[in-house]
C-alpha atoms as a PDB file:
ATOM      1  CA  UNK A   1     -17.487 -70.183  81.405  1.00  0.00           C
ATOM      2  CA  UNK A   2     -15.552 -71.571  78.229  1.00  0.00           C
ATOM      3  CA  UNK A   3     -12.696 -72.376  80.659  1.00  0.00           C
ATOM      4  CA  UNK A   4     -10.050 -69.828  79.321  1.00  0.00           C
ATOM      5  CA  UNK A   5     -10.147 -68.222  82.976  1.00  0.00           C
ATOM      6  CA  UNK A   6      -7.694 -69.067  84.929  1.00  0.00           C
ATOM      7  CA  UNK A   7     -10.103 -68.724  88.799  1.00  0.00           C
ATOM      8  CA  UNK A   8      -7.000 -68.707  91.048  1.00  0.00           C
ATOM      9  CA  UNK A   9      -6.082 -65.025  88.931  1.00  0.00           C
ATOM     10  CA  UNK A  10     -10.188 -64.097  89.630  1.00  0.00           C
ATOM     11  CA  UNK A  11      -9.262 -65.288  93.735  1.00  0.00           C
ATOM     12  CA  UNK A  12      -5.909 -63.630  93.562  1.00  0.00           C
ATOM     13  CA  UNK A  13      -7.754 -60.675  92.110  1.00  0.00           C
ATOM     14  CA  UNK A  14     -10.471 -60.733  94.778  1.00  0.00           C
ATOM     15  CA  UNK A  15     -13.168 -62.887  93.547  1.00  0.00           C
ATOM     16  CA  UNK A  16     -15.407 -63.242  95.175  1.00  0.00           C
ATOM     17  CA  UNK A  17     -15.852 -60.529  97.229  1.00  0.00           C
ATOM     18  CA  UNK A  18     -15.519 -58.052  95.397  1.00  0.00           C
ATOM     19  CA  UNK A  19     -18.290 -56.684  93.146  1.00  0.00           C
ATOM     20  CA  UNK A  20     -16.048 -55.087  91.098  1.00  0.00           C
ATOM     21  CA  UNK A  21     -14.589 -58.227  88.616  1.00  0.00           C
ATOM     22  CA  UNK A  22     -17.291 -59.369  86.918  1.00  0.00           C
ATOM     23  CA  UNK A  23     -18.169 -61.105  83.590  1.00  0.00           C
ATOM     24  CA  UNK A  24     -20.980 -60.807  81.184  1.00  0.00           C
ATOM     25  CA  UNK A  25     -21.221 -63.895  79.350  1.00  0.00           C
ATOM     26  CA  UNK A  26     -20.836 -64.282  75.256  1.00  0.00           C
ATOM     27  CA  UNK A  27     -18.338 -61.599  76.059  1.00  0.00           C
ATOM     28  CA  UNK A  28     -14.800 -61.923  73.564  1.00  0.00           C
ATOM     29  CA  UNK A  29     -13.753 -57.717  73.657  1.00  0.00           C
ATOM     30  CA  UNK A  30      -9.743 -57.338  73.848  1.00  0.00           C
ATOM     31  CA  UNK A  31     -10.369 -53.487  74.944  1.00  0.00           C
ATOM     32  CA  UNK A  32      -8.016 -52.165  77.297  1.00  0.00           C
ATOM     33  CA  UNK A  33      -9.732 -49.370  79.338  1.00  0.00           C
ATOM     34  CA  UNK A  34      -7.758 -47.060  82.223  1.00  0.00           C
ATOM     35  CA  UNK A  35      -7.501 -42.860  82.507  1.00  0.00           C
ATOM     36  CA  UNK A  36      -4.705 -43.114  80.935  1.00  0.00           C
ATOM     37  CA  UNK A  37      -5.698 -44.488  77.227  1.00  0.00           C
ATOM     38  CA  UNK A  38      -7.920 -47.151  75.792  1.00  0.00           C
ATOM     39  CA  UNK A  39      -5.891 -50.058  74.042  1.00  0.00           C
ATOM     40  CA  UNK A  40      -8.386 -52.343  71.311  1.00  0.00           C
ATOM     41  CA  UNK A  41      -6.208 -55.510  70.244  1.00  0.00           C
ATOM     42  CA  UNK A  42      -6.228 -59.026  69.354  1.00  0.00           C
ATOM     43  CA  UNK A  43      -4.676 -59.748  72.478  1.00  0.00           C
ATOM     44  CA  UNK A  44      -5.460 -61.754  75.027  1.00  0.00           C
ATOM     45  CA  UNK A  45      -5.106 -60.801  79.010  1.00  0.00           C
ATOM     46  CA  UNK A  46      -2.796 -63.764  78.959  1.00  0.00           C
ATOM     47  CA  UNK A  47       0.784 -65.236  78.848  1.00  0.00           C
ATOM     48  CA  UNK A  48       0.791 -65.853  75.237  1.00  0.00           C
ATOM     49  CA  UNK A  49      -0.768 -62.994  74.298  1.00  0.00           C
ATOM     50  CA  UNK A  50       1.233 -60.329  76.443  1.00  0.00           C
ATOM     51  CA  UNK A  51       3.654 -62.157  78.156  1.00  0.00           C
ATOM     52  CA  UNK A  52       3.738 -61.735  82.129  1.00  0.00           C
ATOM     53  CA  UNK A  53       5.945 -64.522  82.708  1.00  0.00           C
ATOM     54  CA  UNK A  54       8.280 -65.077  79.956  1.00  0.00           C
ATOM     55  CA  UNK A  55       7.878 -63.166  76.160  1.00  0.00           C
ATOM     56  CA  UNK A  56       4.663 -63.711  73.878  1.00  0.00           C
ATOM     57  CA  UNK A  57       5.225 -66.002  72.228  1.00  0.00           C
ATOM     58  CA  UNK A  58       2.149 -64.596  69.585  1.00  0.00           C
ATOM     59  CA  UNK A  59       2.494 -61.788  67.159  1.00  0.00           C
ATOM     60  CA  UNK A  60      -0.836 -59.592  68.399  1.00  0.00           C
ATOM     61  CA  UNK A  61      -1.649 -55.881  66.989  1.00  0.00           C
ATOM     62  CA  UNK A  62      -4.007 -53.202  68.522  1.00  0.00           C
ATOM     63  CA  UNK A  63      -3.979 -49.653  68.659  1.00  0.00           C
ATOM     64  CA  UNK A  64      -4.194 -46.955  71.032  1.00  0.00           C
ATOM     65  CA  UNK A  65      -6.271 -43.958  71.870  1.00  0.00           C
ATOM     66  CA  UNK A  66      -5.309 -41.066  74.199  1.00  0.00           C
ATOM     67  CA  UNK A  67      -8.198 -40.291  76.827  1.00  0.00           C
ATOM     68  CA  UNK A  68     -10.698 -37.865  75.339  1.00  0.00           C
ATOM     69  CA  UNK A  69     -10.521 -38.922  71.904  1.00  0.00           C
ATOM     70  CA  UNK A  70     -13.826 -39.674  70.185  1.00  0.00           C
ATOM     71  CA  UNK A  71     -12.759 -43.376  70.166  1.00  0.00           C
ATOM     72  CA  UNK A  72     -11.610 -43.602  73.890  1.00  0.00           C
ATOM     73  CA  UNK A  73     -15.793 -41.610  74.464  1.00  0.00           C
ATOM     74  CA  UNK A  74     -17.038 -44.648  72.550  1.00  0.00           C
ATOM     75  CA  UNK A  75     -15.450 -47.131  73.984  1.00  0.00           C
ATOM     76  CA  UNK A  76     -16.217 -45.822  77.598  1.00  0.00           C
ATOM     77  CA  UNK A  77     -19.927 -45.775  76.477  1.00  0.00           C
ATOM     78  CA  UNK A  78     -19.913 -49.138  75.337  1.00  0.00           C
ATOM     79  CA  UNK A  79     -18.063 -50.427  79.372  1.00  0.00           C
ATOM     80  CA  UNK A  80     -20.798 -48.689  80.695  1.00  0.00           C
ATOM     81  CA  UNK A  81     -23.520 -51.323  78.645  1.00  0.00           C
ATOM     82  CA  UNK A  82     -22.204 -54.284  78.928  1.00  0.00           C
ATOM     83  CA  UNK A  83     -20.697 -52.929  82.495  1.00  0.00           C
ATOM     84  CA  UNK A  84     -24.897 -53.078  83.474  1.00  0.00           C
ATOM     85  CA  UNK A  85     -25.360 -56.269  82.092  1.00  0.00           C
ATOM     86  CA  UNK A  86     -22.926 -57.745  83.631  1.00  0.00           C
ATOM     87  CA  UNK A  87     -23.025 -60.083  87.254  1.00  0.00           C
ATOM     88  CA  UNK A  88     -20.654 -60.079  89.552  1.00  0.00           C
ATOM     89  CA  UNK A  89     -18.147 -62.865  89.842  1.00  0.00           C
ATOM     90  CA  UNK A  90     -19.858 -64.434  93.010  1.00  0.00           C
ATOM     91  CA  UNK A  91     -19.210 -67.744  94.473  1.00  0.00           C
ATOM     92  CA  UNK A  92     -21.512 -69.949  92.700  1.00  0.00           C
ATOM     93  CA  UNK A  93     -19.283 -67.930  89.542  1.00  0.00           C
ATOM     94  CA  UNK A  94     -16.345 -68.721  90.839  1.00  0.00           C
ATOM     95  CA  UNK A  95     -17.275 -72.889  90.619  1.00  0.00           C
ATOM     96  CA  UNK A  96     -18.189 -72.740  87.607  1.00  0.00           C
ATOM     97  CA  UNK A  97     -15.275 -71.132  86.214  1.00  0.00           C
ATOM     98  CA  UNK A  98     -13.423 -73.487  87.963  1.00  0.00           C
ATOM     99  CA  UNK A  99     -14.761 -76.439  87.010  1.00  0.00           C
ATOM    100  CA  UNK A 100     -14.792 -75.234  83.511  1.00  0.00           C
ATOM    101  CA  UNK A 101     -10.939 -74.911  83.992  1.00  0.00           C
ATOM    102  CA  UNK A 102     -10.640 -78.293  85.169  1.00  0.00           C
ATOM    103  CA  UNK A 103     -12.443 -79.413  82.131  1.00  0.00           C
ATOM    104  CA  UNK A 104     -10.716 -77.728  79.446  1.00  0.00           C
ATOM    105  CA  UNK A 105      -7.333 -78.872  80.656  1.00  0.00           C
ATOM    106  CA  UNK A 106      -8.389 -82.431  80.991  1.00  0.00           C
ATOM    107  CA  UNK A 107     -10.030 -81.755  77.490  1.00  0.00           C
ATOM    108  CA  UNK A 108      -6.270 -80.873  76.307  1.00  0.00           C
ATOM    109  CA  UNK A 109      -5.100 -84.193  77.100  1.00  0.00           C
ATOM    110  CA  UNK A 110      -5.113 -87.013  75.052  1.00  0.00           C
ATOM    111  CA  UNK A 111      -8.169 -87.460  72.516  1.00  0.00           C
ATOM    112  CA  UNK A 112      -8.934 -90.164  73.349  1.00  0.00           C
ATOM    113  CA  UNK A 113      -9.418 -92.726  75.628  1.00  0.00           C
ATOM    114  CA  UNK A 114      -6.351 -94.697  75.383  1.00  0.00           C
ATOM    115  CA  UNK A 115      -5.489 -93.928  72.345  1.00  0.00           C
ATOM    116  CA  UNK A 116      -2.497 -91.915  71.429  1.00  0.00           C
ATOM    117  CA  UNK A 117      -3.250 -87.936  68.759  1.00  0.00           C
ATOM    118  CA  UNK A 118      -2.784 -89.388  65.034  1.00  0.00           C
ATOM    119  CA  UNK A 119      -0.493 -86.586  63.081  1.00  0.00           C
ATOM    120  CA  UNK A 120      -2.532 -87.023  60.302  1.00  0.00           C
ATOM    121  CA  UNK A 121      -5.484 -85.504  62.884  1.00  0.00           C
ATOM    122  CA  UNK A 122      -7.096 -82.450  61.910  1.00  0.00           C
ATOM    123  CA  UNK A 123      -8.926 -83.035  64.911  1.00  0.00           C
ATOM    124  CA  UNK A 124      -6.893 -84.396  67.047  1.00  0.00           C
ATOM    125  CA  UNK A 125      -4.618 -81.140  66.697  1.00  0.00           C
ATOM    126  CA  UNK A 126      -7.062 -78.944  67.270  1.00  0.00           C
ATOM    127  CA  UNK A 127      -8.128 -80.786  70.606  1.00  0.00           C
ATOM    128  CA  UNK A 128      -4.605 -80.947  72.134  1.00  0.00           C
ATOM    129  CA  UNK A 129      -3.407 -77.129  71.078  1.00  0.00           C
ATOM    130  CA  UNK A 130      -6.413 -74.697  70.132  1.00  0.00           C
ATOM    131  CA  UNK A 131      -3.844 -72.229  70.788  1.00  0.00           C
ATOM    132  CA  UNK A 132      -2.197 -72.873  67.193  1.00  0.00           C
ATOM    133  CA  UNK A 133      -5.446 -72.321  65.737  1.00  0.00           C
ATOM    134  CA  UNK A 134      -5.926 -68.505  66.900  1.00  0.00           C
ATOM    135  CA  UNK A 135      -7.156 -66.744  63.756  1.00  0.00           C
ATOM    136  CA  UNK A 136      -8.456 -69.918  61.967  1.00  0.00           C
ATOM    137  CA  UNK A 137     -11.869 -71.224  61.501  1.00  0.00           C
ATOM    138  CA  UNK A 138     -13.087 -73.904  61.018  1.00  0.00           C
ATOM    139  CA  UNK A 139     -16.052 -74.304  58.012  1.00  0.00           C
ATOM    140  CA  UNK A 140     -18.619 -77.718  57.829  1.00  0.00           C
ATOM    141  CA  UNK A 141     -20.539 -77.460  54.560  1.00  0.00           C
ATOM    142  CA  UNK A 142     -22.791 -80.002  52.393  1.00  0.00           C
ATOM    143  CA  UNK A 143     -24.246 -77.498  49.640  1.00  0.00           C
ATOM    144  CA  UNK A 144     -22.988 -76.550  46.310  1.00  0.00           C
ATOM    145  CA  UNK A 145     -23.106 -72.756  45.238  1.00  0.00           C
ATOM    146  CA  UNK A 146     -23.920 -72.258  41.413  1.00  0.00           C
ATOM    147  CA  UNK A 147     -22.690 -69.842  39.090  1.00  0.00           C
ATOM    148  CA  UNK A 148     -26.118 -67.802  39.789  1.00  0.00           C
ATOM    149  CA  UNK A 149     -24.812 -67.164  42.769  1.00  0.00           C
ATOM    150  CA  UNK A 150     -20.888 -66.262  42.264  1.00  0.00           C
ATOM    151  CA  UNK A 151     -22.270 -64.125  39.545  1.00  0.00           C
ATOM    152  CA  UNK A 152     -24.546 -62.446  42.108  1.00  0.00           C
ATOM    153  CA  UNK A 153     -22.140 -61.860  44.914  1.00  0.00           C
ATOM    154  CA  UNK A 154     -19.230 -60.776  42.049  1.00  0.00           C
ATOM    155  CA  UNK A 155     -21.699 -57.965  40.943  1.00  0.00           C
ATOM    156  CA  UNK A 156     -21.873 -57.089  44.584  1.00  0.00           C
ATOM    157  CA  UNK A 157     -18.627 -57.366  45.555  1.00  0.00           C
ATOM    158  CA  UNK A 158     -17.918 -54.564  42.461  1.00  0.00           C
ATOM    159  CA  UNK A 159     -20.758 -52.446  43.409  1.00  0.00           C
ATOM    160  CA  UNK A 160     -19.247 -52.148  46.446  1.00  0.00           C
ATOM    161  CA  UNK A 161     -15.875 -51.154  45.598  1.00  0.00           C
ATOM    162  CA  UNK A 162     -16.979 -48.744  43.180  1.00  0.00           C
ATOM    163  CA  UNK A 163     -19.084 -46.678  45.954  1.00  0.00           C
ATOM    164  CA  UNK A 164     -15.540 -46.507  47.634  1.00  0.00           C
ATOM    165  CA  UNK A 165     -13.577 -43.192  47.848  1.00  0.00           C
ATOM    166  CA  UNK A 166     -10.972 -44.918  45.811  1.00  0.00           C
ATOM    167  CA  UNK A 167     -12.335 -48.166  44.235  1.00  0.00           C
ATOM    168  CA  UNK A 168      -9.215 -50.864  45.262  1.00  0.00           C
ATOM    169  CA  UNK A 169     -10.550 -53.225  42.387  1.00  0.00           C
ATOM    170  CA  UNK A 170      -7.943 -52.575  39.310  1.00  0.00           C
ATOM    171  CA  UNK A 171      -9.771 -53.770  36.172  1.00  0.00           C
ATOM    172  CA  UNK A 172      -8.032 -57.259  36.240  1.00  0.00           C
ATOM    173  CA  UNK A 173      -9.598 -57.494  39.650  1.00  0.00           C
ATOM    174  CA  UNK A 174     -12.988 -57.234  38.065  1.00  0.00           C
ATOM    175  CA  UNK A 175     -12.157 -59.484  35.142  1.00  0.00           C
ATOM    176  CA  UNK A 176     -10.572 -62.319  37.136  1.00  0.00           C
ATOM    177  CA  UNK A 177     -13.577 -61.832  39.686  1.00  0.00           C
ATOM    178  CA  UNK A 178     -15.724 -62.969  36.687  1.00  0.00           C
ATOM    179  CA  UNK A 179     -14.262 -66.332  36.287  1.00  0.00           C
ATOM    180  CA  UNK A 180     -14.135 -66.701  39.940  1.00  0.00           C
ATOM    181  CA  UNK A 181     -14.676 -70.564  40.560  1.00  0.00           C
ATOM    182  CA  UNK A 182     -17.961 -71.153  41.736  1.00  0.00           C
ATOM    183  CA  UNK A 183     -16.514 -73.891  44.304  1.00  0.00           C
ATOM    184  CA  UNK A 184     -14.916 -71.677  46.166  1.00  0.00           C
ATOM    185  CA  UNK A 185     -17.663 -69.343  47.167  1.00  0.00           C
ATOM    186  CA  UNK A 186     -19.369 -69.663  50.231  1.00  0.00           C
ATOM    187  CA  UNK A 187     -23.078 -68.715  49.515  1.00  0.00           C
ATOM    188  CA  UNK A 188     -26.309 -67.950  51.601  1.00  0.00           C
ATOM    189  CA  UNK A 189     -24.658 -67.363  55.030  1.00  0.00           C
ATOM    190  CA  UNK A 190     -26.015 -65.419  57.430  1.00  0.00           C
ATOM    191  CA  UNK A 191     -25.019 -61.991  57.698  1.00  0.00           C
ATOM    192  CA  UNK A 192     -23.470 -63.065  61.613  1.00  0.00           C
ATOM    193  CA  UNK A 193     -21.381 -65.532  60.407  1.00  0.00           C
ATOM    194  CA  UNK A 194     -20.096 -63.548  57.109  1.00  0.00           C
ATOM    195  CA  UNK A 195     -18.810 -60.746  60.290  1.00  0.00           C
ATOM    196  CA  UNK A 196     -17.414 -63.284  61.810  1.00  0.00           C
ATOM    197  CA  UNK A 197     -15.710 -65.688  59.255  1.00  0.00           C
ATOM    198  CA  UNK A 198     -11.646 -65.558  60.096  1.00  0.00           C
ATOM    199  CA  UNK A 199      -9.500 -64.454  57.600  1.00  0.00           C
ATOM    200  CA  UNK A 200      -7.700 -68.123  57.397  1.00  0.00           C
ATOM    201  CA  UNK A 201     -10.320 -71.120  57.479  1.00  0.00           C
ATOM    202  CA  UNK A 202     -10.595 -74.767  57.002  1.00  0.00           C
ATOM    203  CA  UNK A 203     -13.683 -76.092  55.620  1.00  0.00           C
ATOM    204  CA  UNK A 204     -14.679 -79.878  55.455  1.00  0.00           C
ATOM    205  CA  UNK A 205     -17.108 -80.604  52.926  1.00  0.00           C
ATOM    206  CA  UNK A 206     -19.336 -83.871  52.533  1.00  0.00           C
ATOM    207  CA  UNK A 207     -20.597 -84.431  49.196  1.00  0.00           C
ATOM    208  CA  UNK A 208     -23.416 -86.061  48.356  1.00  0.00           C
ATOM    209  CA  UNK A 209     -22.572 -89.775  48.293  1.00  0.00           C
ATOM    210  CA  UNK A 210     -21.321 -88.942  52.406  1.00  0.00           C
ATOM    211  CA  UNK A 211     -17.642 -88.775  51.873  1.00  0.00           C
ATOM    212  CA  UNK A 212     -16.032 -85.540  52.967  1.00  0.00           C
ATOM    213  CA  UNK A 213     -12.473 -83.882  51.919  1.00  0.00           C
ATOM    214  CA  UNK A 214     -10.569 -81.249  53.679  1.00  0.00           C
ATOM    215  CA  UNK A 215      -9.766 -77.447  51.918  1.00  0.00           C
ATOM    216  CA  UNK A 216      -7.777 -74.589  53.261  1.00  0.00           C
ATOM    217  CA  UNK A 217      -9.124 -71.409  52.475  1.00  0.00           C
ATOM    218  CA  UNK A 218      -8.296 -67.552  52.821  1.00  0.00           C
ATOM    219  CA  UNK A 219     -11.439 -65.155  52.274  1.00  0.00           C
ATOM    220  CA  UNK A 220     -10.757 -62.955  50.046  1.00  0.00           C
ATOM    221  CA  UNK A 221     -14.432 -61.031  49.375  1.00  0.00           C
ATOM    222  CA  UNK A 222     -17.566 -60.368  51.492  1.00  0.00           C
ATOM    223  CA  UNK A 223     -20.963 -59.510  50.678  1.00  0.00           C
ATOM    224  CA  UNK A 224     -24.386 -58.850  51.783  1.00  0.00           C
ATOM    225  CA  UNK A 225     -26.940 -59.532  49.638  1.00  0.00           C
ATOM    226  CA  UNK A 226     -30.928 -58.566  50.000  1.00  0.00           C
ATOM    227  CA  UNK A 227     -32.497 -60.738  52.250  1.00  0.00           C
ATOM    228  CA  UNK A 228     -29.360 -60.643  54.718  1.00  0.00           C
ATOM    229  CA  UNK A 229     -27.695 -63.444  52.503  1.00  0.00           C
ATOM    230  CA  UNK A 230     -24.043 -63.452  52.937  1.00  0.00           C
ATOM    231  CA  UNK A 231     -21.653 -64.573  50.589  1.00  0.00           C
ATOM    232  CA  UNK A 232     -18.136 -64.685  50.881  1.00  0.00           C
ATOM    233  CA  UNK A 233     -15.419 -65.264  48.056  1.00  0.00           C
ATOM    234  CA  UNK A 234     -11.915 -67.715  49.032  1.00  0.00           C
ATOM    235  CA  UNK A 235      -8.737 -69.137  47.059  1.00  0.00           C
ATOM    236  CA  UNK A 236      -6.614 -71.484  48.463  1.00  0.00           C
ATOM    237  CA  UNK A 237      -3.238 -70.644  49.165  1.00  0.00           C
ATOM    238  CA  UNK A 238      -0.742 -73.858  48.385  1.00  0.00           C
ATOM    239  CA  UNK A 239       1.112 -73.683  51.315  1.00  0.00           C
ATOM    240  CA  UNK A 240      -1.659 -73.296  54.228  1.00  0.00           C
ATOM    241  CA  UNK A 241      -2.136 -76.759  55.441  1.00  0.00           C
ATOM    242  CA  UNK A 242       1.692 -77.339  55.630  1.00  0.00           C
ATOM    243  CA  UNK A 243       2.054 -73.290  57.702  1.00  0.00           C
ATOM    244  CA  UNK A 244      -0.968 -74.535  60.118  1.00  0.00           C
ATOM    245  CA  UNK A 245       1.633 -77.828  60.650  1.00  0.00           C
ATOM    246  CA  UNK A 246      -0.101 -80.423  58.789  1.00  0.00           C
ATOM    247  CA  UNK A 247       2.464 -83.198  57.387  1.00  0.00           C
ATOM    248  CA  UNK A 248       0.200 -85.414  55.689  1.00  0.00           C
ATOM    249  CA  UNK A 249      -1.804 -84.749  52.698  1.00  0.00           C
ATOM    250  CA  UNK A 250      -6.243 -83.405  52.845  1.00  0.00           C
ATOM    251  CA  UNK A 251      -6.648 -87.005  51.707  1.00  0.00           C
ATOM    252  CA  UNK A 252      -4.964 -88.830  54.212  1.00  0.00           C
ATOM    253  CA  UNK A 253      -6.696 -86.244  56.948  1.00  0.00           C
ATOM    254  CA  UNK A 254     -10.207 -86.654  56.051  1.00  0.00           C
ATOM    255  CA  UNK A 255      -9.807 -90.471  56.845  1.00  0.00           C
ATOM    256  CA  UNK A 256      -8.302 -90.288  59.531  1.00  0.00           C
ATOM    257  CA  UNK A 257     -11.604 -88.362  61.110  1.00  0.00           C
ATOM    258  CA  UNK A 258     -14.608 -89.614  58.882  1.00  0.00           C
ATOM    259  CA  UNK A 259     -16.461 -91.072  61.805  1.00  0.00           C
ATOM    260  CA  UNK A 260     -15.803 -87.784  63.681  1.00  0.00           C
ATOM    261  CA  UNK A 261     -17.019 -85.824  60.797  1.00  0.00           C
ATOM    262  CA  UNK A 262     -20.052 -87.751  59.853  1.00  0.00           C
ATOM    263  CA  UNK A 263     -20.725 -87.179  63.551  1.00  0.00           C
ATOM    264  CA  UNK A 264     -20.618 -83.318  63.142  1.00  0.00           C
ATOM    265  CA  UNK A 265     -22.359 -83.402  60.228  1.00  0.00           C
ATOM    266  CA  UNK A 266     -25.684 -85.232  61.165  1.00  0.00           C
ATOM    267  CA  UNK A 267     -25.417 -82.033  64.192  1.00  0.00           C
ATOM    268  CA  UNK A 268     -25.922 -79.576  61.634  1.00  0.00           C
ATOM    269  CA  UNK A 269     -28.342 -81.111  58.933  1.00  0.00           C
ATOM    270  CA  UNK A 270     -30.746 -79.172  59.111  1.00  0.00           C
ATOM    271  CA  UNK A 271     -28.821 -75.967  58.214  1.00  0.00           C
ATOM    272  CA  UNK A 272     -26.590 -77.750  55.765  1.00  0.00           C
ATOM    273  CA  UNK A 273     -23.876 -75.229  57.067  1.00  0.00           C
ATOM    274  CA  UNK A 274     -22.229 -74.198  60.478  1.00  0.00           C
ATOM    275  CA  UNK A 275     -18.714 -71.734  61.180  1.00  0.00           C
ATOM    276  CA  UNK A 276     -16.807 -72.651  64.143  1.00  0.00           C
ATOM    277  CA  UNK A 277     -14.957 -69.903  64.178  1.00  0.00           C
ATOM    278  CA  UNK A 278     -12.391 -70.434  66.013  1.00  0.00           C
ATOM    279  CA  UNK A 279     -10.227 -73.584  67.617  1.00  0.00           C
ATOM    280  CA  UNK A 280     -11.818 -72.873  70.924  1.00  0.00           C
ATOM    281  CA  UNK A 281     -15.444 -73.555  69.479  1.00  0.00           C
ATOM    282  CA  UNK A 282     -14.227 -76.649  67.182  1.00  0.00           C
ATOM    283  CA  UNK A 283     -12.205 -78.215  70.753  1.00  0.00           C
ATOM    284  CA  UNK A 284     -15.539 -77.275  72.549  1.00  0.00           C
ATOM    285  CA  UNK A 285     -17.610 -79.310  69.952  1.00  0.00           C
ATOM    286  CA  UNK A 286     -14.952 -82.102  70.032  1.00  0.00           C
ATOM    287  CA  UNK A 287     -15.313 -82.621  73.685  1.00  0.00           C
ATOM    288  CA  UNK A 288     -18.903 -83.627  73.405  1.00  0.00           C
ATOM    289  CA  UNK A 289     -18.800 -86.167  70.430  1.00  0.00           C
ATOM    290  CA  UNK A 290     -18.833 -89.538  71.856  1.00  0.00           C
ATOM    291  CA  UNK A 291     -15.461 -91.934  72.164  1.00  0.00           C
ATOM    292  CA  UNK A 292     -14.998 -93.293  69.273  1.00  0.00           C
ATOM    293  CA  UNK A 293     -14.544 -97.489  70.131  1.00  0.00           C
END
């Protein structure tokens, strides 16, 4: 239903007549299970992820577990549970997949009616090439963390580390945590967001005066405090913006995207922040925004 499944491949597998082909809304796991064993992997069953037609363009990772192993048995039980909840890819579902596939293809075209993509626009880049941003999240924020938030988060991070059989933080690491920049703390998020937060992400932050700016981050520490308050400490690697393919500075990028960003911030006004954990999720949002005049 997200437009990522080629309906022609569903037909080749036997849909809509084969009841062994099912779908489950919201399922995003990559688990490959057979009598030969279990593979859990970051790779989609796609050419980019696995390389059906050519050498795969993405670097993926995964683990193999033989039959009768604990992991294999656990995955089998998990699969049986979600299989019971899943629905057969019937004619209606196949038609929905066809329409979603077509909509995705159209969204992959020029990001504006009669307007070429702007090389300084993060939004245009995501709308045109979602695969380029696999493993990258997008965070929209309006609030500001406090030193109290920082101290609570740091205390929890150190406590969690001390509970490990082999602590990972050195004395110098713990000292550095105490001076962590408050601006690089993402505080009071739902724990579901914290668990879904990618390692690399772009933050769009709107200040009280209404202007917004882009920041490029890597996740470092995450903790859940009492009351399900998710806290995340991040750092800003100097080359991440260029590694993601952006040649313009963050200020120029924000200036180009200001109109669409304001529409997004209006949408999240109630919560004040929102995580889009992938380029796919952000592209879907951008496709819903009204066209710029």
